[in-house]
Protein backbone atom coordinates (compact mmCIF):
# COMPACT_ATOMS: atom_id res chain seq x y z
CA MET A 1 76.36 28.79 9.19
CA SER A 2 77.25 27.46 11.95
CA ALA A 3 74.25 26.04 13.94
CA ILE A 4 74.29 23.59 17.24
CA THR A 5 71.23 21.04 18.17
CA VAL A 6 71.16 18.92 20.83
CA TYR A 7 69.27 15.90 21.93
CA GLN A 8 69.27 13.43 24.72
CA ASP A 9 71.67 10.68 23.95
CA ASN A 10 68.44 8.24 23.57
CA ASP A 11 66.27 10.31 21.53
CA THR A 12 66.96 11.58 17.97
CA ARG A 13 63.28 12.47 17.66
CA GLN A 14 63.41 16.27 19.31
CA PRO A 15 65.81 17.78 19.58
CA MET A 16 66.49 19.60 23.00
CA LEU A 17 68.13 22.72 21.50
CA HIS A 18 68.77 24.40 18.22
CA SER A 19 70.35 27.27 17.52
CA ASP A 20 72.59 29.28 14.54
CA ASP A 21 72.96 31.79 17.37
CA GLY A 22 76.96 32.19 18.00
CA ASP A 23 76.91 33.57 21.03
CA VAL A 24 74.52 30.49 21.82
CA ILE A 25 77.12 27.67 20.16
CA LYS A 26 79.69 29.53 22.26
CA SER A 27 77.87 29.69 25.68
CA THR A 28 76.32 26.17 25.15
CA MET A 29 79.37 24.47 24.50
CA ALA A 30 81.44 25.93 27.11
CA ALA A 31 79.25 24.88 29.71
CA VAL A 32 79.97 21.67 29.19
CA GLY A 33 84.16 22.25 28.33
CA ILE A 34 84.38 23.33 24.80
CA ARG A 35 85.81 26.17 23.26
CA PHE A 36 84.13 27.47 20.32
CA GLU A 37 85.35 30.57 18.71
CA ARG A 38 85.08 32.73 15.34
CA TRP A 39 87.87 33.78 13.99
CA MET A 40 87.45 36.55 11.03
CA ILE A 41 90.55 37.96 9.12
CA ASN A 42 90.50 40.74 7.05
CA CYS A 43 92.75 38.89 4.19
CA PRO A 44 90.60 36.53 1.86
CA ILE A 45 91.00 33.22 1.49
CA THR A 46 91.19 31.43 -1.73
CA PRO A 47 91.80 27.87 -3.19
CA GLU A 48 94.10 28.78 -5.10
CA MET A 49 96.41 30.03 -1.66
CA SER A 50 99.27 27.19 -0.71
CA HIS A 51 98.57 25.76 2.83
CA GLU A 52 101.95 28.11 3.81
CA GLU A 53 100.29 30.94 2.61
CA VAL A 54 96.73 30.11 4.66
CA LEU A 55 98.95 29.38 7.86
CA GLN A 56 100.29 32.77 7.06
CA ALA A 57 97.09 34.85 6.85
CA TYR A 58 96.35 33.26 10.44
CA ASP A 59 99.17 33.57 11.98
CA GLN A 60 98.53 36.19 14.79
CA GLU A 61 95.37 34.42 16.18
CA ILE A 62 97.69 30.72 15.44
CA GLY A 63 100.61 32.03 17.15
CA GLU A 64 98.36 32.97 20.19
CA LEU A 65 96.24 29.97 20.57
CA VAL A 66 99.49 28.32 20.30
CA LYS A 67 101.25 30.72 23.23
CA GLU A 68 97.91 29.79 25.69
CA GLU A 69 97.15 26.10 25.08
CA GLY A 70 100.85 24.83 24.11
CA TYR A 71 100.62 23.12 20.86
CA LYS A 72 103.67 22.09 19.52
CA THR A 73 102.83 21.76 15.80
CA VAL A 74 100.25 23.21 13.41
CA ASP A 75 99.39 22.01 9.80
CA ILE A 76 96.77 21.78 7.14
CA ALA A 77 94.02 19.04 6.50
CA ALA A 78 91.63 19.49 3.04
CA ILE A 79 89.75 17.75 1.13
CA THR A 80 86.90 18.27 -1.89
CA PRO A 81 84.21 16.37 -3.75
CA ASP A 82 86.85 15.21 -6.42
CA ASN A 83 89.22 13.25 -3.70
CA PRO A 84 88.97 9.26 -5.30
CA GLN A 85 89.21 8.82 -1.61
CA LYS A 86 86.13 10.82 0.03
CA ASP A 87 84.55 7.80 1.25
CA GLU A 88 87.36 5.85 2.95
CA PHE A 89 88.06 8.90 4.71
CA ARG A 90 84.50 9.94 5.60
CA GLN A 91 83.81 6.21 6.65
CA LYS A 92 86.92 6.94 9.20
CA PHE A 93 85.81 9.05 11.64
CA LEU A 94 81.94 8.06 11.96
CA ASN A 95 82.11 5.54 14.61
CA GLU A 96 82.43 7.63 17.93
CA HIS A 97 85.71 7.82 19.43
CA THR A 98 88.35 9.81 21.58
CA HIS A 99 91.90 10.60 21.14
CA SER A 100 94.30 11.48 23.83
CA GLU A 101 94.49 14.82 23.30
CA ASP A 102 92.67 17.21 22.26
CA GLU A 103 91.43 17.54 19.03
CA VAL A 104 91.69 21.45 17.71
CA ARG A 105 89.89 22.31 14.62
CA PHE A 106 89.85 25.65 12.56
CA PHE A 107 87.74 25.93 9.15
CA VAL A 108 88.94 28.10 6.88
CA ALA A 109 86.83 26.53 4.20
CA GLY A 110 84.22 24.01 3.89
CA GLU A 111 82.15 22.44 6.98
CA GLY A 112 81.02 19.44 8.69
CA MET A 113 79.66 18.05 11.66
CA PHE A 114 80.97 17.41 14.89
CA TYR A 115 79.12 15.12 16.70
CA LEU A 116 79.99 15.38 20.97
CA HIS A 117 78.88 12.87 23.30
CA ILE A 118 78.55 14.06 26.74
CA GLU A 119 77.11 12.68 29.62
CA ASP A 120 73.64 12.11 28.39
CA LYS A 121 73.58 14.16 25.54
CA VAL A 122 74.51 14.45 21.69
CA TYR A 123 76.03 17.63 20.52
CA MET A 124 75.72 18.17 16.56
CA ILE A 125 78.10 21.05 15.86
CA HIS A 126 77.86 22.43 12.48
CA CYS A 127 80.92 24.04 12.02
CA CYS A 128 81.83 26.23 9.01
CA LYS A 129 84.47 29.24 7.52
CA ASP A 130 85.75 30.86 10.22
CA ASP A 131 85.38 28.52 13.25
CA LEU A 132 87.43 27.01 16.01
CA LEU A 133 86.26 23.96 17.45
CA SER A 134 88.33 22.33 20.22
CA VAL A 135 87.32 18.90 21.76
CA PRO A 136 89.31 18.08 24.85
CA ASN A 137 90.89 14.84 24.74
CA GLN A 138 89.26 11.79 26.04
CA THR A 139 85.50 13.34 25.05
CA LYS A 140 83.84 10.96 23.06
CA HIS A 141 83.24 11.92 19.50
CA TRP A 142 82.49 11.75 16.25
CA PHE A 143 82.88 13.15 12.93
CA ASP A 144 81.33 13.69 9.79
CA MET A 145 82.64 15.89 6.27
CA GLY A 146 79.34 14.36 4.25
CA PRO A 147 79.04 12.68 1.54
CA GLU A 148 80.51 15.43 -0.73
CA PRO A 149 83.49 16.49 1.52
CA HIS A 150 84.51 20.26 1.03
CA PHE A 151 87.11 21.74 3.61
CA THR A 152 90.12 23.02 4.53
CA ALA A 153 91.18 23.40 8.48
CA ILE A 154 94.21 24.45 10.60
CA ARG A 155 95.17 21.68 12.68
CA PHE A 156 96.76 22.04 16.47
CA PHE A 157 98.44 18.80 18.07
CA ASN A 158 100.83 18.84 21.25
CA ASN A 159 101.36 15.03 19.55
CA PRO A 160 99.99 14.40 16.34
CA ASP A 161 100.78 10.67 17.18
CA GLY A 162 98.68 11.12 19.95
CA TRP A 163 95.37 12.11 17.71
CA ILE A 164 94.91 7.89 16.66
CA ALA A 165 91.24 6.99 17.28
CA ASP A 166 90.50 4.65 20.26
CA PHE A 167 86.34 3.82 19.26
CA THR A 168 84.41 3.48 21.99
CA GLY A 169 82.99 0.70 20.53
CA ASP A 170 79.52 1.84 21.17
CA ASP A 171 76.79 2.22 18.17
CA ILE A 172 75.20 5.49 19.01
CA ALA A 173 76.94 7.49 15.89
CA SER A 174 74.72 4.96 13.74
CA ARG A 175 71.30 6.34 15.53
CA PHE A 176 71.78 10.18 14.76
CA PRO A 177 71.41 11.70 11.23
CA LEU A 178 74.47 11.95 8.92
CA PHE A 179 75.65 15.47 7.93
CA ASP A 180 74.13 16.18 4.33
CA GLU A 181 74.96 19.78 3.44
C-alpha cells in the first residue's frame, strides 16, 4: 500500500507525519511541488505482457501526460528478485543525487521507496502499483528498490541523457531506514 512518512532531515527517531491515505500523500507532495497521482485502468496487467502491451494498456494516460509535460521518450524499467545484478542496481541509487531533468515514474507492478530531501525534511514515499511520482529536476533524492526488488515502471523523459545521477556527496541517505519491503 502506498504511504508517506515525513521526517526532519536531522532526526529519524520520530516521524512528523505518516499516512497511507492517497489524498494525504497527494496534498503533502503537492505542497512541496511534487506530483503524486494514482492511475487506475480496467485492463489487467500480467507478468506475461510485453513492454509494448503494457504501454498500450496505459496509452491514454501516457498520451495525456506527454501532451501536458512535453516528454519526448517513454519506456519501461523492470527488475525482479532473480536478477543477478539486483544488488548492484540497488546500490546505484541509494545515495542522494539530483538529475538535470524530472524523474517521472509510474509503477505498473511492484513497489519501491523514494526519499525526497526538500529543505529540512525527508519525504519517504512508498510507491506501489498504480502510483505516479514526478520528482522535479534538481530535487535531492534517492531510491531504494529493496533487497528483493520487484517492480515494473513506465519512465518519462525529455532527454534520457539528462537522467544521469549527479551525486551530492551528502551521507544523509545512510541515516534513514532502508526499504526492506
